[in-house]
């Protein structure tokens, strides 16, 4: 696994361990593969669901989606950030300018709410051993740092609000509102009862 440093954002995990968040650069590809495992995070998705039209995503389940993600990682613009506990990759968050996620354009409940240019946080994947330990909050803070360094002024996410009680981890892949709130996001709109749109204003990092 890569233990590369630099450009990350350290965060405290719930157990007091220091988490480090790094961009998904080519030298960290093996870490992402290790984190996602043989199923590609979720049934061969490889975090390409929002980025590819439905037919292409379905046809690419497994190897095709993996190749598509690898091309993004190798493109020079990281498609997301990875959380590390020491040298171990324990979490992933996908983010990019909203227009790069083609399925957002056709999502009835997630249409742009105004003219503000935004970057979008669309997906999370956290290792089973590190769930419910603050990794998602660390990823969101790391994503905000990453986007701000690239000129973004607004970060937007689309968590799901459980109707009753807790939600199984497998269905929380866009995050939960509580994690966004802990990372400094506020609700900007609620196009459906269970789907708030959360935003966090970003500031350019000090030089």
Protein backbone atom coordinates (compact mmCIF):
# COMPACT_ATOMS: atom_id res chain seq x y z
CA UNK A 1 0.00 0.00 0.00
CA UNK A 2 1.10 3.53 -0.64
CA UNK A 3 2.07 5.62 2.32
CA UNK A 4 2.69 8.75 0.28
CA UNK A 5 2.29 12.03 2.13
CA UNK A 6 1.64 15.59 1.14
CA UNK A 7 -1.47 17.45 0.08
CA UNK A 8 -3.64 15.62 2.59
CA UNK A 9 -5.80 16.81 5.46
CA UNK A 10 -5.36 15.08 8.81
CA UNK A 11 -8.51 14.43 10.84
CA UNK A 12 -9.24 12.80 14.18
CA UNK A 13 -11.15 9.53 13.96
CA UNK A 14 -13.71 8.54 16.60
CA UNK A 15 -11.24 6.20 18.26
CA UNK A 16 -8.64 8.98 18.55
CA UNK A 17 -6.58 7.73 15.63
CA UNK A 18 -5.22 10.22 13.16
CA UNK A 19 -6.81 9.95 9.73
CA UNK A 20 -5.10 11.36 6.66
CA UNK A 21 -6.99 12.27 3.48
CA UNK A 22 -5.15 12.27 0.16
CA UNK A 23 -6.12 12.81 -3.50
CA UNK A 24 -6.54 9.66 -5.60
CA UNK A 25 -3.42 10.05 -7.72
CA UNK A 26 -1.89 7.33 -9.94
CA UNK A 27 0.58 6.21 -7.27
CA UNK A 28 -2.38 5.50 -4.95
CA UNK A 29 -4.29 3.37 -7.45
CA UNK A 30 -3.29 0.12 -5.74
CA UNK A 31 -4.65 1.50 -2.47
CA UNK A 32 -7.98 2.21 -4.10
CA UNK A 33 -8.11 -1.32 -5.56
CA UNK A 34 -7.34 -2.76 -2.13
CA UNK A 35 -10.07 -0.67 -0.50
CA UNK A 36 -12.73 -1.48 -3.10
CA UNK A 37 -11.92 -5.19 -3.07
CA UNK A 38 -12.85 -7.80 -5.71
CA UNK A 39 -16.43 -6.51 -5.97
CA UNK A 40 -15.31 -3.04 -6.97
CA UNK A 41 -16.86 -1.40 -3.88
CA UNK A 42 -20.40 -2.43 -4.84
CA UNK A 43 -21.31 -5.07 -7.43
CA UNK A 44 -18.71 -3.94 -9.95
CA UNK A 45 -19.58 -0.25 -9.74
CA UNK A 46 -16.06 1.10 -9.16
CA UNK A 47 -17.75 4.40 -8.28
CA UNK A 48 -18.77 5.05 -11.88
CA UNK A 49 -22.56 5.10 -11.38
CA UNK A 50 -22.87 8.90 -11.44
CA UNK A 51 -20.26 9.35 -14.16
CA UNK A 52 -21.53 6.99 -16.88
CA UNK A 53 -24.90 6.73 -18.63
CA UNK A 54 -26.99 3.81 -17.38
CA UNK A 55 -26.32 1.56 -20.38
CA UNK A 56 -22.56 2.12 -20.28
CA UNK A 57 -22.45 1.61 -16.53
CA UNK A 58 -24.40 -1.66 -16.71
CA UNK A 59 -22.31 -2.97 -19.60
CA UNK A 60 -19.13 -2.04 -17.77
CA UNK A 61 -19.94 -3.69 -14.44
CA UNK A 62 -16.68 -5.07 -13.15
CA UNK A 63 -13.70 -4.77 -15.47
CA UNK A 64 -15.15 -2.04 -17.71
CA UNK A 65 -15.98 0.30 -14.85
CA UNK A 66 -12.63 -0.43 -13.24
CA UNK A 67 -10.86 0.61 -16.46
CA UNK A 68 -12.96 3.77 -16.63
CA UNK A 69 -12.00 4.74 -13.08
CA UNK A 70 -8.35 3.93 -13.77
CA UNK A 71 -8.41 6.32 -16.74
CA UNK A 72 -9.75 9.07 -14.51
CA UNK A 73 -7.09 8.46 -11.87
CA UNK A 74 -4.38 8.48 -14.56
CA UNK A 75 -5.73 11.63 -16.21
CA UNK A 76 -3.90 13.97 -13.87
CA UNK A 77 -7.07 15.22 -12.16
CA UNK A 78 -7.90 13.01 -9.16
CA UNK A 79 -11.56 11.91 -9.23
CA UNK A 80 -11.78 11.77 -5.45
CA UNK A 81 -9.95 11.45 -2.17
CA UNK A 82 -8.85 8.48 -0.05
CA UNK A 83 -8.80 8.34 3.75
CA UNK A 84 -5.91 6.53 5.44
CA UNK A 85 -5.55 5.16 8.95
CA UNK A 86 -1.78 5.03 9.08
CA UNK A 87 -0.79 3.32 5.83
CA UNK A 88 -4.15 1.55 5.43
CA UNK A 89 -6.72 2.96 2.98
CA UNK A 90 -10.05 3.00 4.85
CA UNK A 91 -12.37 5.32 2.93
CA UNK A 92 -13.16 6.90 -0.43
CA UNK A 93 -15.10 9.99 -1.49
CA UNK A 94 -15.84 10.90 -5.12
CA UNK A 95 -15.97 14.57 -6.06
CA UNK A 96 -15.63 16.78 -9.12
CA UNK A 97 -17.33 19.76 -10.75
CA UNK A 98 -21.03 18.92 -10.95
CA UNK A 99 -21.06 18.76 -14.75
CA UNK A 100 -18.71 15.75 -14.73
CA UNK A 101 -21.44 13.60 -13.17
CA UNK A 102 -23.69 12.94 -16.14
CA UNK A 103 -26.46 11.30 -14.13
CA UNK A 104 -26.98 14.37 -11.98
CA UNK A 105 -28.26 16.10 -15.10
CA UNK A 106 -31.09 13.57 -15.41
CA UNK A 107 -31.85 13.11 -11.69
CA UNK A 108 -35.32 14.59 -11.18
CA UNK A 109 -34.81 15.46 -7.52
CA UNK A 110 -31.23 16.69 -7.84
CA UNK A 111 -31.47 19.43 -10.44
CA UNK A 112 -29.39 22.61 -9.87
CA UNK A 113 -31.09 24.80 -7.30
CA UNK A 114 -29.55 28.04 -8.55
CA UNK A 115 -26.83 29.40 -10.82
CA UNK A 116 -23.98 28.91 -8.32
CA UNK A 117 -21.10 26.87 -9.80
CA UNK A 118 -20.62 23.87 -7.53
CA UNK A 119 -18.43 20.85 -7.07
CA UNK A 120 -20.38 17.73 -6.12
CA UNK A 121 -19.66 15.00 -3.58
CA UNK A 122 -21.51 11.97 -4.88
CA UNK A 123 -20.27 8.72 -3.31
CA UNK A 124 -18.60 7.29 -0.23
CA UNK A 125 -17.12 3.90 0.47
CA UNK A 126 -15.75 3.06 3.92
CA UNK A 127 -14.02 -0.16 4.88
CA UNK A 128 -16.23 -2.35 7.05
CA UNK A 129 -13.67 -2.21 9.86
CA UNK A 130 -13.87 1.59 10.00
CA UNK A 131 -17.57 2.32 9.61
CA UNK A 132 -19.27 4.54 12.21
CA UNK A 133 -15.91 5.91 13.27
CA UNK A 134 -15.94 9.36 11.71
CA UNK A 135 -14.33 8.44 8.40
CA UNK A 136 -17.08 10.06 6.32
CA UNK A 137 -16.67 13.36 8.18
CA UNK A 138 -12.92 13.23 7.62
CA UNK A 139 -13.49 12.51 3.92
CA UNK A 140 -15.85 15.48 3.61
CA UNK A 141 -13.35 17.82 5.22
CA UNK A 142 -10.60 16.45 3.01
CA UNK A 143 -12.85 16.84 -0.05
CA UNK A 144 -13.51 20.47 0.88
CA UNK A 145 -9.77 21.14 1.16
CA UNK A 146 -9.13 19.40 -2.15
CA UNK A 147 -11.85 21.33 -4.01
CA UNK A 148 -10.85 24.68 -2.51
CA UNK A 149 -7.24 24.21 -3.65
CA UNK A 150 -8.60 23.75 -7.18
CA UNK A 151 -10.62 26.95 -7.16
CA UNK A 152 -14.04 25.66 -6.10
CA UNK A 153 -16.14 28.05 -4.02
CA UNK A 154 -19.09 25.78 -3.19
CA UNK A 155 -19.23 22.05 -2.39
CA UNK A 156 -22.54 20.24 -2.65
CA UNK A 157 -23.69 16.80 -1.52
CA UNK A 158 -26.81 14.66 -1.75
CA UNK A 159 -27.21 12.56 1.40
CA UNK A 160 -30.21 10.37 2.14
CA UNK A 161 -32.38 10.98 5.22
CA UNK A 162 -33.53 7.67 6.74
CA UNK A 163 -37.30 7.57 7.13
CA UNK A 164 -37.27 5.63 10.39
CA UNK A 165 -34.36 4.57 12.56
CA UNK A 166 -30.98 3.73 11.10
CA UNK A 167 -30.19 2.88 7.50
CA UNK A 168 -28.13 -0.15 6.42
CA UNK A 169 -24.61 0.92 5.45
CA UNK A 170 -25.08 -0.40 1.91
CA UNK A 171 -27.81 2.18 1.27
CA UNK A 172 -25.88 5.16 2.64
CA UNK A 173 -23.44 5.45 -0.26
CA UNK A 174 -24.29 9.13 -0.82
CA UNK A 175 -23.85 9.84 2.87
CA UNK A 176 -26.16 10.80 5.73
CA UNK A 177 -27.12 14.39 6.64
CA UNK A 178 -25.56 14.15 10.09
CA UNK A 179 -22.09 13.55 8.67
CA UNK A 180 -22.45 16.53 6.35
CA UNK A 181 -23.55 18.74 9.23
CA UNK A 182 -20.53 17.70 11.30
CA UNK A 183 -18.32 18.69 8.36
CA UNK A 184 -19.79 22.19 8.17
CA UNK A 185 -22.48 21.70 5.52
CA UNK A 186 -25.96 23.19 5.79
CA UNK A 187 -29.18 22.26 4.03
CA UNK A 188 -29.69 24.42 0.93
CA UNK A 189 -32.80 22.69 -0.45
CA UNK A 190 -34.95 19.61 0.04
CA UNK A 191 -36.43 18.51 -3.28
CA UNK A 192 -37.86 15.36 -1.69
CA UNK A 193 -38.63 14.33 1.92
CA UNK A 194 -35.62 12.01 2.14
CA UNK A 195 -33.11 13.85 -0.07
CA UNK A 196 -31.71 17.17 1.18
CA UNK A 197 -29.13 19.05 -0.85
CA UNK A 198 -26.30 20.11 1.46
CA UNK A 199 -23.77 22.85 0.78
CA UNK A 200 -20.55 24.16 2.25
CA UNK A 201 -18.99 27.43 1.09
CA UNK A 202 -15.25 27.14 0.44
CA UNK A 203 -12.43 29.60 0.85
CA UNK A 204 -9.22 29.63 -1.10
CA UNK A 205 -6.37 28.24 1.04
CA UNK A 206 -3.88 30.69 2.46
CA UNK A 207 -0.59 30.83 0.67
